[in-house]
PDB file of all heavy atoms in Angstrom:
ATOM      1  N   MET A   1       0.783  -1.226   0.013  1.00  0.00           N
ATOM      2  CA  MET A   1       0.003   0.013  -0.046  1.00  0.00           C
ATOM      3  C   MET A   1       0.857   1.258  -0.023  1.00  0.00           C
ATOM      4  O   MET A   1       0.492   2.269  -0.557  1.00  0.00           O
ATOM      5  CB  MET A   1      -0.900   0.002   1.209  1.00  0.00           C
ATOM      6  CG  MET A   1      -2.316  -0.496   0.924  1.00  0.00           C
ATOM      7  SD  MET A   1      -3.412  -0.037   2.132  1.00  0.00           S
ATOM      8  CE  MET A   1      -3.480  -1.531   3.166  1.00  0.00           C
ATOM      9  N   GLU A   2       1.986   1.224   0.617  1.00  0.00           N
ATOM     10  CA  GLU A   2       2.838   2.409   0.766  1.00  0.00           C
ATOM     11  C   GLU A   2       3.549   2.729  -0.632  1.00  0.00           C
ATOM     12  O   GLU A   2       4.014   3.837  -0.811  1.00  0.00           O
ATOM     13  CB  GLU A   2       3.902   2.222   1.846  1.00  0.00           C
ATOM     14  CG  GLU A   2       3.270   2.229   3.167  1.00  0.00           C
ATOM     15  CD  GLU A   2       2.696   0.963   3.557  1.00  0.00           C
ATOM     16  OE1 GLU A   2       2.971  -0.080   2.933  1.00  0.00           O
ATOM     17  OE2 GLU A   2       1.815   0.856   4.536  1.00  0.00           O
ATOM     18  N   ASP A   3       3.603   1.786  -1.508  1.00  0.00           N
ATOM     19  CA  ASP A   3       4.292   1.983  -2.779  1.00  0.00           C
ATOM     20  C   ASP A   3       3.427   2.942  -3.658  1.00  0.00           C
ATOM     21  O   ASP A   3       2.222   2.665  -3.902  1.00  0.00           O
ATOM     22  CB  ASP A   3       4.389   0.646  -3.455  1.00  0.00           C
ATOM     23  CG  ASP A   3       5.166   0.743  -4.835  1.00  0.00           C
ATOM     24  OD1 ASP A   3       5.931   1.780  -5.001  1.00  0.00           O
ATOM     25  OD2 ASP A   3       4.870  -0.078  -5.701  1.00  0.00           O
ATOM     26  N   ILE A   4       4.036   4.061  -4.154  1.00  0.00           N
ATOM     27  CA  ILE A   4       3.301   5.069  -4.961  1.00  0.00           C
ATOM     28  C   ILE A   4       3.342   4.815  -6.418  1.00  0.00           C
ATOM     29  O   ILE A   4       2.435   5.301  -7.151  1.00  0.00           O
ATOM     30  CB  ILE A   4       3.733   6.423  -4.513  1.00  0.00           C
ATOM     31  CG1 ILE A   4       2.743   7.476  -5.012  1.00  0.00           C
ATOM     32  CG2 ILE A   4       5.119   6.710  -5.075  1.00  0.00           C
ATOM     33  CD1 ILE A   4       1.441   7.461  -4.356  1.00  0.00           C
ATOM     34  N   MET A   5       4.340   4.077  -6.833  1.00  0.00           N
ATOM     35  CA  MET A   5       4.538   3.899  -8.353  1.00  0.00           C
ATOM     36  C   MET A   5       3.384   3.093  -9.015  1.00  0.00           C
ATOM     37  O   MET A   5       2.928   3.433 -10.053  1.00  0.00           O
ATOM     38  CB  MET A   5       5.955   3.253  -8.639  1.00  0.00           C
ATOM     39  CG  MET A   5       7.116   4.099  -8.416  1.00  0.00           C
ATOM     40  SD  MET A   5       6.925   5.780  -9.057  1.00  0.00           S
ATOM     41  CE  MET A   5       6.926   5.395 -10.756  1.00  0.00           C
ATOM     42  N   MET A   6       2.962   2.048  -8.331  1.00  0.00           N
ATOM     43  CA  MET A   6       1.913   1.254  -8.942  1.00  0.00           C
ATOM     44  C   MET A   6       0.551   2.038  -9.096  1.00  0.00           C
ATOM     45  O   MET A   6      -0.103   2.044 -10.108  1.00  0.00           O
ATOM     46  CB  MET A   6       1.640  -0.031  -8.185  1.00  0.00           C
ATOM     47  CG  MET A   6       0.706  -0.909  -8.879  1.00  0.00           C
ATOM     48  SD  MET A   6       0.821  -2.550  -8.108  1.00  0.00           S
ATOM     49  CE  MET A   6      -0.412  -3.381  -8.994  1.00  0.00           C
ATOM     50  N   PRO A   7       0.156   2.803  -8.014  1.00  0.00           N
ATOM     51  CA  PRO A   7      -1.037   3.613  -8.181  1.00  0.00           C
ATOM     52  C   PRO A   7      -0.902   4.718  -9.183  1.00  0.00           C
ATOM     53  O   PRO A   7      -1.821   4.982  -9.899  1.00  0.00           O
ATOM     54  CB  PRO A   7      -1.210   4.201  -6.770  1.00  0.00           C
ATOM     55  CG  PRO A   7      -0.610   3.250  -5.816  1.00  0.00           C
ATOM     56  CD  PRO A   7       0.583   2.727  -6.617  1.00  0.00           C
ATOM     57  N   VAL A   8       0.275   5.262  -9.389  1.00  0.00           N
ATOM     58  CA  VAL A   8       0.520   6.248 -10.425  1.00  0.00           C
ATOM     59  C   VAL A   8       0.331   5.588 -11.779  1.00  0.00           C
ATOM     60  O   VAL A   8      -0.307   6.211 -12.647  1.00  0.00           O
ATOM     61  CB  VAL A   8       1.922   6.959 -10.306  1.00  0.00           C
ATOM     62  CG1 VAL A   8       2.247   7.721 -11.430  1.00  0.00           C
ATOM     63  CG2 VAL A   8       1.932   7.860  -9.066  1.00  0.00           C
ATOM     64  N   PHE A   9       0.971   4.460 -11.988  1.00  0.00           N
ATOM     65  CA  PHE A   9       0.831   3.819 -13.259  1.00  0.00           C
ATOM     66  C   PHE A   9      -0.719   3.423 -13.491  1.00  0.00           C
ATOM     67  O   PHE A   9      -1.173   3.601 -14.600  1.00  0.00           O
ATOM     68  CB  PHE A   9       1.689   2.471 -13.258  1.00  0.00           C
ATOM     69  CG  PHE A   9       1.464   1.688 -14.540  1.00  0.00           C
ATOM     70  CD1 PHE A   9       1.967   2.085 -15.728  1.00  0.00           C
ATOM     71  CD2 PHE A   9       0.699   0.479 -14.454  1.00  0.00           C
ATOM     72  CE1 PHE A   9       1.850   1.375 -16.891  1.00  0.00           C
ATOM     73  CE2 PHE A   9       0.571  -0.222 -15.623  1.00  0.00           C
ATOM     74  CZ  PHE A   9       1.083   0.142 -16.810  1.00  0.00           C
ATOM     75  N   ILE A  10      -1.344   2.927 -12.473  1.00  0.00           N
ATOM     76  CA  ILE A  10      -2.740   2.558 -12.606  1.00  0.00           C
ATOM     77  C   ILE A  10      -3.599   3.750 -12.913  1.00  0.00           C
ATOM     78  O   ILE A  10      -4.497   3.694 -13.778  1.00  0.00           O
ATOM     79  CB  ILE A  10      -3.226   1.789 -11.384  1.00  0.00           C
ATOM     80  CG1 ILE A  10      -2.575   0.418 -11.339  1.00  0.00           C
ATOM     81  CG2 ILE A  10      -4.783   1.647 -11.377  1.00  0.00           C
ATOM     82  CD1 ILE A  10      -2.853  -0.288  -9.986  1.00  0.00           C
ATOM     83  N   ILE A  11      -3.371   4.899 -12.320  1.00  0.00           N
ATOM     84  CA  ILE A  11      -4.219   6.024 -12.537  1.00  0.00           C
ATOM     85  C   ILE A  11      -3.937   6.653 -13.966  1.00  0.00           C
ATOM     86  O   ILE A  11      -4.790   7.143 -14.587  1.00  0.00           O
ATOM     87  CB  ILE A  11      -4.001   7.201 -11.463  1.00  0.00           C
ATOM     88  CG1 ILE A  11      -5.234   8.120 -11.459  1.00  0.00           C
ATOM     89  CG2 ILE A  11      -2.738   7.935 -11.713  1.00  0.00           C
ATOM     90  CD1 ILE A  11      -6.474   7.536 -11.022  1.00  0.00           C
ATOM     91  N   ILE A  12      -2.752   6.425 -14.524  1.00  0.00           N
ATOM     92  CA  ILE A  12      -2.537   6.879 -15.850  1.00  0.00           C
ATOM     93  C   ILE A  12      -3.350   6.019 -16.816  1.00  0.00           C
ATOM     94  O   ILE A  12      -3.941   6.496 -17.749  1.00  0.00           O
ATOM     95  CB  ILE A  12      -0.937   6.685 -16.238  1.00  0.00           C
ATOM     96  CG1 ILE A  12      -0.232   7.834 -15.458  1.00  0.00           C
ATOM     97  CG2 ILE A  12      -0.718   6.860 -17.771  1.00  0.00           C
ATOM     98  CD1 ILE A  12       1.326   7.690 -15.529  1.00  0.00           C
ATOM     99  N   VAL A  13      -3.399   4.631 -16.687  1.00  0.00           N
ATOM    100  CA  VAL A  13      -4.120   3.785 -17.448  1.00  0.00           C
ATOM    101  C   VAL A  13      -5.645   4.098 -17.289  1.00  0.00           C
ATOM    102  O   VAL A  13      -6.399   4.135 -18.334  1.00  0.00           O
ATOM    103  CB  VAL A  13      -3.842   2.315 -17.105  1.00  0.00           C
ATOM    104  CG1 VAL A  13      -4.818   1.354 -17.833  1.00  0.00           C
ATOM    105  CG2 VAL A  13      -2.374   1.928 -17.423  1.00  0.00           C
ATOM    106  N   ASP A  14      -6.108   4.393 -16.031  1.00  0.00           N
ATOM    107  CA  ASP A  14      -7.431   4.645 -15.786  1.00  0.00           C
ATOM    108  C   ASP A  14      -7.864   5.987 -16.579  1.00  0.00           C
ATOM    109  O   ASP A  14      -8.945   6.049 -17.143  1.00  0.00           O
ATOM    110  CB  ASP A  14      -7.750   4.811 -14.294  1.00  0.00           C
ATOM    111  CG  ASP A  14      -7.701   3.496 -13.547  1.00  0.00           C
ATOM    112  OD1 ASP A  14      -7.781   2.430 -14.242  1.00  0.00           O
ATOM    113  OD2 ASP A  14      -7.677   3.484 -12.288  1.00  0.00           O
ATOM    114  N   GLU A  15      -6.981   7.010 -16.480  1.00  0.00           N
ATOM    115  CA  GLU A  15      -7.287   8.248 -17.185  1.00  0.00           C
ATOM    116  C   GLU A  15      -7.300   8.040 -18.678  1.00  0.00           C
ATOM    117  O   GLU A  15      -8.127   8.647 -19.312  1.00  0.00           O
ATOM    118  CB  GLU A  15      -6.242   9.252 -16.867  1.00  0.00           C
ATOM    119  CG  GLU A  15      -6.481  10.112 -15.603  1.00  0.00           C
ATOM    120  CD  GLU A  15      -7.612  11.097 -15.769  1.00  0.00           C
ATOM    121  OE1 GLU A  15      -8.014  11.441 -16.863  1.00  0.00           O
ATOM    122  OE2 GLU A  15      -8.154  11.413 -14.756  1.00  0.00           O
ATOM    123  N   ILE A  16      -6.448   7.278 -19.207  1.00  0.00           N
ATOM    124  CA  ILE A  16      -6.474   6.958 -20.701  1.00  0.00           C
ATOM    125  C   ILE A  16      -7.835   6.289 -21.022  1.00  0.00           C
ATOM    126  O   ILE A  16      -8.465   6.670 -21.973  1.00  0.00           O
ATOM    127  CB  ILE A  16      -5.287   6.069 -21.012  1.00  0.00           C
ATOM    128  CG1 ILE A  16      -4.016   6.874 -20.984  1.00  0.00           C
ATOM    129  CG2 ILE A  16      -5.470   5.572 -22.485  1.00  0.00           C
ATOM    130  CD1 ILE A  16      -2.683   6.132 -21.221  1.00  0.00           C
ATOM    131  N   ILE A  17      -8.223   5.291 -20.290  1.00  0.00           N
ATOM    132  CA  ILE A  17      -9.519   4.639 -20.520  1.00  0.00           C
ATOM    133  C   ILE A  17     -10.677   5.725 -20.414  1.00  0.00           C
ATOM    134  O   ILE A  17     -11.513   5.760 -21.254  1.00  0.00           O
ATOM    135  CB  ILE A  17      -9.688   3.455 -19.540  1.00  0.00           C
ATOM    136  CG1 ILE A  17      -8.740   2.327 -19.961  1.00  0.00           C
ATOM    137  CG2 ILE A  17     -11.111   2.943 -19.603  1.00  0.00           C
ATOM    138  CD1 ILE A  17      -8.625   1.270 -18.830  1.00  0.00           C
ATOM    139  N   PHE A  18     -10.672   6.395 -19.323  1.00  0.00           N
ATOM    140  CA  PHE A  18     -11.721   7.367 -19.096  1.00  0.00           C
ATOM    141  C   PHE A  18     -11.819   8.434 -20.140  1.00  0.00           C
ATOM    142  O   PHE A  18     -12.853   8.712 -20.731  1.00  0.00           O
ATOM    143  CB  PHE A  18     -11.573   8.044 -17.735  1.00  0.00           C
ATOM    144  CG  PHE A  18     -12.641   8.921 -17.247  1.00  0.00           C
ATOM    145  CD1 PHE A  18     -13.726   8.456 -16.721  1.00  0.00           C
ATOM    146  CD2 PHE A  18     -12.542  10.356 -17.416  1.00  0.00           C
ATOM    147  CE1 PHE A  18     -14.797   9.278 -16.315  1.00  0.00           C
ATOM    148  CE2 PHE A  18     -13.523  11.196 -17.039  1.00  0.00           C
ATOM    149  CZ  PHE A  18     -14.655  10.616 -16.411  1.00  0.00           C
ATOM    150  N   ASN A  19     -10.711   9.052 -20.470  1.00  0.00           N
ATOM    151  CA  ASN A  19     -10.697  10.084 -21.506  1.00  0.00           C
ATOM    152  C   ASN A  19     -10.963   9.485 -22.891  1.00  0.00           C
ATOM    153  O   ASN A  19     -11.492  10.205 -23.765  1.00  0.00           O
ATOM    154  CB  ASN A  19      -9.386  10.823 -21.533  1.00  0.00           C
ATOM    155  CG  ASN A  19      -9.265  11.825 -20.409  1.00  0.00           C
ATOM    156  OD1 ASN A  19     -10.275  12.477 -20.079  1.00  0.00           O
ATOM    157  ND2 ASN A  19      -8.132  11.890 -19.803  1.00  0.00           N
ATOM    158  N   THR A  20     -10.598   8.255 -23.240  1.00  0.00           N
ATOM    159  CA  THR A  20     -10.877   7.613 -24.415  1.00  0.00           C
ATOM    160  C   THR A  20     -12.406   7.492 -24.668  1.00  0.00           C
ATOM    161  O   THR A  20     -12.950   7.814 -25.648  1.00  0.00           O
ATOM    162  CB  THR A  20     -10.180   6.277 -24.645  1.00  0.00           C
ATOM    163  OG1 THR A  20      -8.701   6.474 -24.506  1.00  0.00           O
ATOM    164  CG2 THR A  20     -10.537   5.647 -25.956  1.00  0.00           C
ATOM    165  N   VAL A  21     -13.077   7.046 -23.559  1.00  0.00           N
ATOM    166  CA  VAL A  21     -14.427   6.872 -23.594  1.00  0.00           C
ATOM    167  C   VAL A  21     -15.145   8.274 -23.809  1.00  0.00           C
ATOM    168  O   VAL A  21     -16.104   8.498 -24.531  1.00  0.00           O
ATOM    169  CB  VAL A  21     -15.009   6.279 -22.368  1.00  0.00           C
ATOM    170  CG1 VAL A  21     -16.549   6.271 -22.243  1.00  0.00           C
ATOM    171  CG2 VAL A  21     -14.534   4.750 -22.322  1.00  0.00           C
ATOM    172  N   ILE A  22     -14.662   9.307 -23.036  1.00  0.00           N
ATOM    173  CA  ILE A  22     -15.093  10.635 -23.223  1.00  0.00           C
ATOM    174  C   ILE A  22     -14.975  11.128 -24.608  1.00  0.00           C
ATOM    175  O   ILE A  22     -15.859  11.746 -25.312  1.00  0.00           O
ATOM    176  CB  ILE A  22     -14.439  11.647 -22.263  1.00  0.00           C
ATOM    177  CG1 ILE A  22     -14.791  11.307 -20.819  1.00  0.00           C
ATOM    178  CG2 ILE A  22     -14.889  13.044 -22.471  1.00  0.00           C
ATOM    179  CD1 ILE A  22     -16.165  11.438 -20.400  1.00  0.00           C
ATOM    180  N   TYR A  23     -13.717  10.884 -25.183  1.00  0.00           N
ATOM    181  CA  TYR A  23     -13.545  11.347 -26.676  1.00  0.00           C
ATOM    182  C   TYR A  23     -14.546  10.702 -27.588  1.00  0.00           C
ATOM    183  O   TYR A  23     -15.117  11.310 -28.464  1.00  0.00           O
ATOM    184  CB  TYR A  23     -12.065  10.993 -26.969  1.00  0.00           C
ATOM    185  CG  TYR A  23     -11.786  11.210 -28.461  1.00  0.00           C
ATOM    186  CD1 TYR A  23     -11.740  12.584 -28.953  1.00  0.00           C
ATOM    187  CD2 TYR A  23     -11.687  10.146 -29.304  1.00  0.00           C
ATOM    188  CE1 TYR A  23     -11.508  12.763 -30.295  1.00  0.00           C
ATOM    189  CE2 TYR A  23     -11.514  10.341 -30.691  1.00  0.00           C
ATOM    190  CZ  TYR A  23     -11.367  11.654 -31.169  1.00  0.00           C
ATOM    191  OH  TYR A  23     -11.202  11.880 -32.446  1.00  0.00           O
ATOM    192  N   VAL A  24     -14.666   9.348 -27.423  1.00  0.00           N
ATOM    193  CA  VAL A  24     -15.555   8.630 -28.372  1.00  0.00           C
ATOM    194  C   VAL A  24     -16.979   9.189 -28.218  1.00  0.00           C
ATOM    195  O   VAL A  24     -17.679   9.388 -29.220  1.00  0.00           O
ATOM    196  CB  VAL A  24     -15.487   7.126 -28.127  1.00  0.00           C
ATOM    197  CG1 VAL A  24     -16.590   6.396 -28.889  1.00  0.00           C
ATOM    198  CG2 VAL A  24     -14.152   6.566 -28.520  1.00  0.00           C
ATOM    199  N   VAL A  25     -17.450   9.307 -26.991  1.00  0.00           N
ATOM    200  CA  VAL A  25     -18.902   9.725 -26.759  1.00  0.00           C
ATOM    201  C   VAL A  25     -19.150  11.142 -27.131  1.00  0.00           C
ATOM    202  O   VAL A  25     -20.140  11.463 -27.759  1.00  0.00           O
ATOM    203  CB  VAL A  25     -19.311   9.369 -25.351  1.00  0.00           C
ATOM    204  CG1 VAL A  25     -20.582   9.929 -25.058  1.00  0.00           C
ATOM    205  CG2 VAL A  25     -19.273   7.844 -25.142  1.00  0.00           C
ATOM    206  N   GLN A  26     -18.262  12.023 -26.717  1.00  0.00           N
ATOM    207  CA  GLN A  26     -18.545  13.452 -26.824  1.00  0.00           C
ATOM    208  C   GLN A  26     -17.949  14.113 -28.035  1.00  0.00           C
ATOM    209  O   GLN A  26     -18.394  15.167 -28.372  1.00  0.00           O
ATOM    210  CB  GLN A  26     -18.082  14.199 -25.537  1.00  0.00           C
ATOM    211  CG  GLN A  26     -18.854  13.864 -24.393  1.00  0.00           C
ATOM    212  CD  GLN A  26     -18.435  14.684 -23.101  1.00  0.00           C
ATOM    213  OE1 GLN A  26     -17.399  15.311 -23.107  1.00  0.00           O
ATOM    214  NE2 GLN A  26     -19.201  14.504 -22.084  1.00  0.00           N
ATOM    215  N   PHE A  27     -16.967  13.477 -28.658  1.00  0.00           N
ATOM    216  CA  PHE A  27     -16.308  14.130 -29.815  1.00  0.00           C
ATOM    217  C   PHE A  27     -16.517  13.304 -31.032  1.00  0.00           C
ATOM    218  O   PHE A  27     -16.999  13.768 -32.093  1.00  0.00           O
ATOM    219  CB  PHE A  27     -14.839  14.422 -29.543  1.00  0.00           C
ATOM    220  CG  PHE A  27     -14.622  15.526 -28.549  1.00  0.00           C
ATOM    221  CD1 PHE A  27     -14.581  15.148 -27.123  1.00  0.00           C
ATOM    222  CD2 PHE A  27     -14.722  16.858 -28.867  1.00  0.00           C
ATOM    223  CE1 PHE A  27     -14.334  16.177 -26.174  1.00  0.00           C
ATOM    224  CE2 PHE A  27     -14.528  17.807 -27.890  1.00  0.00           C
ATOM    225  CZ  PHE A  27     -14.411  17.468 -26.592  1.00  0.00           C
ATOM    226  N   LEU A  28     -16.029  12.112 -31.077  1.00  0.00           N
ATOM    227  CA  LEU A  28     -16.004  11.265 -32.222  1.00  0.00           C
ATOM    228  C   LEU A  28     -17.345  10.977 -32.832  1.00  0.00           C
ATOM    229  O   LEU A  28     -17.641  11.118 -34.058  1.00  0.00           O
ATOM    230  CB  LEU A  28     -15.274   9.914 -31.935  1.00  0.00           C
ATOM    231  CG  LEU A  28     -14.860   9.083 -33.067  1.00  0.00           C
ATOM    232  CD1 LEU A  28     -13.953   9.800 -34.071  1.00  0.00           C
ATOM    233  CD2 LEU A  28     -14.311   7.822 -32.685  1.00  0.00           C
ATOM    234  N   LEU A  29     -18.369  10.682 -31.968  1.00  0.00           N
ATOM    235  CA  LEU A  29     -19.707  10.453 -32.436  1.00  0.00           C
ATOM    236  C   LEU A  29     -20.420  11.638 -32.949  1.00  0.00           C
ATOM    237  O   LEU A  29     -21.421  11.617 -33.545  1.00  0.00           O
ATOM    238  CB  LEU A  29     -20.523   9.790 -31.316  1.00  0.00           C
ATOM    239  CG  LEU A  29     -20.047   8.275 -30.918  1.00  0.00           C
ATOM    240  CD1 LEU A  29     -20.896   7.824 -29.788  1.00  0.00           C
ATOM    241  CD2 LEU A  29     -20.104   7.437 -32.097  1.00  0.00           C
ATOM    242  N   ARG A  30     -19.801  12.844 -32.541  1.00  0.00           N
ATOM    243  CA  ARG A  30     -20.318  14.086 -33.042  1.00  0.00           C
ATOM    244  C   ARG A  30     -19.565  14.644 -34.242  1.00  0.00           C
ATOM    245  O   ARG A  30     -19.570  15.830 -34.511  1.00  0.00           O
ATOM    246  CB  ARG A  30     -20.463  15.094 -31.953  1.00  0.00           C
ATOM    247  CG  ARG A  30     -21.408  14.716 -30.892  1.00  0.00           C
ATOM    248  CD  ARG A  30     -21.480  15.718 -29.773  1.00  0.00           C
ATOM    249  NE  ARG A  30     -22.407  15.268 -28.785  1.00  0.00           N
ATOM    250  CZ  ARG A  30     -22.527  15.755 -27.568  1.00  0.00           C
ATOM    251  NH1 ARG A  30     -21.691  16.846 -27.275  1.00  0.00           N
ATOM    252  NH2 ARG A  30     -23.377  15.247 -26.737  1.00  0.00           N
ATOM    253  N   ASN A  31     -18.791  13.802 -34.851  1.00  0.00           N
ATOM    254  CA  ASN A  31     -17.947  14.091 -36.033  1.00  0.00           C
ATOM    255  C   ASN A  31     -16.903  15.146 -35.765  1.00  0.00           C
ATOM    256  O   ASN A  31     -16.521  15.944 -36.681  1.00  0.00           O
ATOM    257  CB  ASN A  31     -18.854  14.518 -37.224  1.00  0.00           C
ATOM    258  CG  ASN A  31     -18.259  14.195 -38.576  1.00  0.00           C
ATOM    259  OD1 ASN A  31     -17.288  13.437 -38.635  1.00  0.00           O
ATOM    260  ND2 ASN A  31     -18.658  14.874 -39.547  1.00  0.00           N
ATOM    261  N   ARG A  32     -16.394  15.152 -34.566  1.00  0.00           N
ATOM    262  CA  ARG A  32     -15.215  16.014 -34.256  1.00  0.00           C
ATOM    263  C   ARG A  32     -14.095  15.101 -34.224  1.00  0.00           C
ATOM    264  O   ARG A  32     -13.774  14.583 -33.027  1.00  0.00           O
ATOM    265  CB  ARG A  32     -15.297  16.772 -32.911  1.00  0.00           C
ATOM    266  CG  ARG A  32     -16.529  17.735 -33.057  1.00  0.00           C
ATOM    267  CD  ARG A  32     -16.673  18.479 -31.729  1.00  0.00           C
ATOM    268  NE  ARG A  32     -17.920  19.189 -31.633  1.00  0.00           N
ATOM    269  CZ  ARG A  32     -18.551  19.619 -30.531  1.00  0.00           C
ATOM    270  NH1 ARG A  32     -17.956  19.307 -29.372  1.00  0.00           N
ATOM    271  NH2 ARG A  32     -19.663  20.213 -30.546  1.00  0.00           N
ATOM    272  N   THR A  33     -13.370  14.897 -35.237  1.00  0.00           N
ATOM    273  CA  THR A  33     -12.345  13.833 -35.302  1.00  0.00           C
ATOM    274  C   THR A  33     -10.964  14.275 -35.158  1.00  0.00           C
ATOM    275  O   THR A  33      -9.997  13.531 -35.423  1.00  0.00           O
ATOM    276  CB  THR A  33     -12.485  13.057 -36.651  1.00  0.00           C
ATOM    277  OG1 THR A  33     -12.332  13.990 -37.714  1.00  0.00           O
ATOM    278  CG2 THR A  33     -13.803  12.354 -36.740  1.00  0.00           C
ATOM    279  N   ASN A  34     -10.659  15.421 -34.586  1.00  0.00           N
ATOM    280  CA  ASN A  34      -9.354  15.956 -34.452  1.00  0.00           C
ATOM    281  C   ASN A  34      -8.741  15.296 -33.158  1.00  0.00           C
ATOM    282  O   ASN A  34      -8.708  16.011 -32.130  1.00  0.00           O
ATOM    283  CB  ASN A  34      -9.343  17.485 -34.400  1.00  0.00           C
ATOM    284  CG  ASN A  34      -7.893  17.994 -34.469  1.00  0.00           C
ATOM    285  OD1 ASN A  34      -6.953  17.341 -34.436  1.00  0.00           O
ATOM    286  ND2 ASN A  34      -7.852  19.326 -34.602  1.00  0.00           N
ATOM    287  N   LEU A  35      -8.261  14.201 -33.201  1.00  0.00           N
ATOM    288  CA  LEU A  35      -7.678  13.456 -32.037  1.00  0.00           C
ATOM    289  C   LEU A  35      -6.495  14.036 -31.569  1.00  0.00           C
ATOM    290  O   LEU A  35      -6.286  14.122 -30.333  1.00  0.00           O
ATOM    291  CB  LEU A  35      -7.337  11.956 -32.516  1.00  0.00           C
ATOM    292  CG  LEU A  35      -6.783  11.065 -31.381  1.00  0.00           C
ATOM    293  CD1 LEU A  35      -7.799  10.952 -30.255  1.00  0.00           C
ATOM    294  CD2 LEU A  35      -6.395   9.748 -31.993  1.00  0.00           C
ATOM    295  N   PHE A  36      -5.632  14.647 -32.345  1.00  0.00           N
ATOM    296  CA  PHE A  36      -4.437  15.327 -31.967  1.00  0.00           C
ATOM    297  C   PHE A  36      -4.788  16.483 -31.028  1.00  0.00           C
ATOM    298  O   PHE A  36      -4.141  16.707 -29.976  1.00  0.00           O
ATOM    299  CB  PHE A  36      -3.529  15.816 -33.152  1.00  0.00           C
ATOM    300  CG  PHE A  36      -2.251  16.508 -32.728  1.00  0.00           C
ATOM    301  CD1 PHE A  36      -1.232  15.845 -32.102  1.00  0.00           C
ATOM    302  CD2 PHE A  36      -2.194  17.832 -32.804  1.00  0.00           C
ATOM    303  CE1 PHE A  36      -0.096  16.454 -31.761  1.00  0.00           C
ATOM    304  CE2 PHE A  36      -1.095  18.540 -32.467  1.00  0.00           C
ATOM    305  CZ  PHE A  36      -0.045  17.820 -31.873  1.00  0.00           C
ATOM    306  N   PHE A  37      -5.724  17.253 -31.398  1.00  0.00           N
ATOM    307  CA  PHE A  37      -6.197  18.383 -30.522  1.00  0.00           C
ATOM    308  C   PHE A  37      -6.699  17.928 -29.235  1.00  0.00           C
ATOM    309  O   PHE A  37      -6.306  18.438 -28.106  1.00  0.00           O
ATOM    310  CB  PHE A  37      -7.262  19.186 -31.251  1.00  0.00           C
ATOM    311  CG  PHE A  37      -7.817  20.303 -30.448  1.00  0.00           C
ATOM    312  CD1 PHE A  37      -7.200  21.445 -30.391  1.00  0.00           C
ATOM    313  CD2 PHE A  37      -8.956  20.097 -29.707  1.00  0.00           C
ATOM    314  CE1 PHE A  37      -7.715  22.544 -29.586  1.00  0.00           C
ATOM    315  CE2 PHE A  37      -9.490  21.088 -28.876  1.00  0.00           C
ATOM    316  CZ  PHE A  37      -8.822  22.370 -28.844  1.00  0.00           C
ATOM    317  N   PHE A  38      -7.430  16.821 -29.187  1.00  0.00           N
ATOM    318  CA  PHE A  38      -7.996  16.261 -27.971  1.00  0.00           C
ATOM    319  C   PHE A  38      -6.882  15.795 -27.052  1.00  0.00           C
ATOM    320  O   PHE A  38      -6.843  16.007 -25.822  1.00  0.00           O
ATOM    321  CB  PHE A  38      -9.012  15.229 -28.225  1.00  0.00           C
ATOM    322  CG  PHE A  38      -9.796  14.769 -27.063  1.00  0.00           C
ATOM    323  CD1 PHE A  38     -10.766  15.602 -26.543  1.00  0.00           C
ATOM    324  CD2 PHE A  38      -9.459  13.611 -26.403  1.00  0.00           C
ATOM    325  CE1 PHE A  38     -11.475  15.122 -25.385  1.00  0.00           C
ATOM    326  CE2 PHE A  38     -10.156  13.130 -25.288  1.00  0.00           C
ATOM    327  CZ  PHE A  38     -11.167  13.939 -24.753  1.00  0.00           C
TER     328      PHE A  38
END
């Protein structure tokens, strides 16, 4: 539990998953396909 590196790695993966879903739902499905900007 005291190790901070694993939670940091996990939160990075969680953020990527979370933001990917946000991108797909709020941008890609509305034909805003500028992935680099996002």
